[in-house]
């Protein structure tokens, strides 16, 4: 989820959520990529969620495919940025 989330950042997520909306960050179980955090780009009642990453090197939406709501383990609620970790370009 670079550049929004970086190594060392903390994500506070909840398994108890009522709805998932466009731009939410979700933790999903993907059969090929394991547990991943992605941003919701589209929702469809019949297909589920279409996810995207924020970074150029992210797994593409096409590679991920549609994700069912049953694959969503949690919805991100808060983010704690790790200020002590320096990243390239900073």
Protein backbone atom coordinates (compact mmCIF):
# COMPACT_ATOMS: atom_id res chain seq x y z
CA UNK A 1 0.00 0.00 0.00
CA UNK A 2 2.96 2.30 -0.59
CA UNK A 3 3.02 5.25 -0.41
CA UNK A 4 0.04 5.44 2.00
CA UNK A 5 1.23 2.60 4.26
CA UNK A 6 4.92 1.86 4.75
CA UNK A 7 6.97 -0.78 6.47
CA UNK A 8 6.71 -0.22 10.23
CA UNK A 9 3.31 1.50 10.14
CA UNK A 10 0.54 0.01 12.27
CA UNK A 11 -2.98 -0.68 11.06
CA UNK A 12 -5.85 -0.95 13.54
CA UNK A 13 -8.52 -3.08 11.93
CA UNK A 14 -11.80 -4.62 13.03
CA UNK A 15 -13.52 -7.82 12.04
CA UNK A 16 -16.77 -6.22 13.16
CA UNK A 17 -17.97 -3.88 10.42
CA UNK A 18 -21.36 -3.15 8.93
CA UNK A 19 -20.41 -2.18 5.40
CA UNK A 20 -17.46 -1.81 3.07
CA UNK A 21 -17.36 1.28 0.86
CA UNK A 22 -15.24 2.64 -1.96
CA UNK A 23 -11.84 3.92 -0.67
CA UNK A 24 -11.94 1.73 2.47
CA UNK A 25 -8.82 -0.32 3.20
CA UNK A 26 -9.53 -3.98 3.81
CA UNK A 27 -7.51 -7.01 4.87
CA UNK A 28 -8.43 -9.93 2.62
CA UNK A 29 -7.46 -13.59 2.24
CA UNK A 30 -6.45 -14.18 -1.36
CA UNK A 31 -5.87 -17.76 -2.55
CA UNK A 32 -2.67 -16.82 -4.41
CA UNK A 33 -1.31 -13.77 -2.52
CA UNK A 34 -2.26 -14.68 1.06
CA UNK A 35 -3.27 -11.86 3.41
CA UNK A 36 -3.11 -8.51 1.66
CA UNK A 37 -4.28 -4.98 2.41
CA UNK A 38 -5.90 -3.19 -0.51
CA UNK A 39 -8.18 -0.24 -1.19
CA UNK A 40 -11.76 -0.86 -2.37
CA UNK A 41 -12.14 0.57 -5.88
CA UNK A 42 -15.60 -0.80 -6.78
CA UNK A 43 -18.40 -2.73 -5.14
CA UNK A 44 -20.92 -4.99 -6.86
CA UNK A 45 -23.68 -6.88 -5.04
CA UNK A 46 -23.23 -9.94 -7.28
CA UNK A 47 -19.44 -9.95 -7.78
CA UNK A 48 -18.14 -8.52 -4.51
CA UNK A 49 -15.22 -6.08 -4.24
CA UNK A 50 -12.74 -4.84 -6.84
CA UNK A 51 -9.55 -3.89 -5.06
CA UNK A 52 -6.54 -1.77 -5.98
CA UNK A 53 -3.18 -0.88 -4.50
CA UNK A 54 -1.77 2.60 -4.14
CA UNK A 55 1.77 1.86 -5.32
CA UNK A 56 3.22 1.40 -8.79
CA UNK A 57 4.65 -2.01 -7.83
CA UNK A 58 1.40 -3.23 -6.29
CA UNK A 59 -0.33 -6.38 -7.45
CA UNK A 60 -2.83 -5.16 -10.05
CA UNK A 61 -6.59 -5.29 -9.72
CA UNK A 62 -6.71 -7.67 -12.67
CA UNK A 63 -4.30 -10.06 -10.93
CA UNK A 64 -6.40 -10.00 -7.76
CA UNK A 65 -9.78 -10.26 -9.47
CA UNK A 66 -13.12 -9.85 -7.74
CA UNK A 67 -13.08 -10.60 -4.00
CA UNK A 68 -16.12 -11.93 -2.17
CA UNK A 69 -17.14 -10.36 1.13
CA UNK A 70 -16.42 -13.74 2.75
CA UNK A 71 -12.72 -13.20 1.94
CA UNK A 72 -12.62 -9.91 3.87
CA UNK A 73 -11.07 -10.57 7.29
CA UNK A 74 -11.13 -6.99 8.57
CA UNK A 75 -11.67 -3.35 7.69
CA UNK A 76 -8.93 -0.85 8.55
CA UNK A 77 -10.10 1.83 10.98
CA UNK A 78 -6.98 3.75 12.06
CA UNK A 79 -3.36 4.07 11.00
CA UNK A 80 -0.33 4.83 13.13
CA UNK A 81 2.62 6.05 11.10
CA UNK A 82 6.08 4.92 12.22
CA UNK A 83 8.04 8.20 12.16
CA UNK A 84 11.33 6.53 13.14
CA UNK A 85 11.67 4.60 9.86
CA UNK A 86 13.24 6.54 7.00
CA UNK A 87 12.19 5.68 3.47
CA UNK A 88 13.83 6.32 0.13
CA UNK A 89 13.28 9.87 -1.02
CA UNK A 90 12.67 11.31 2.46
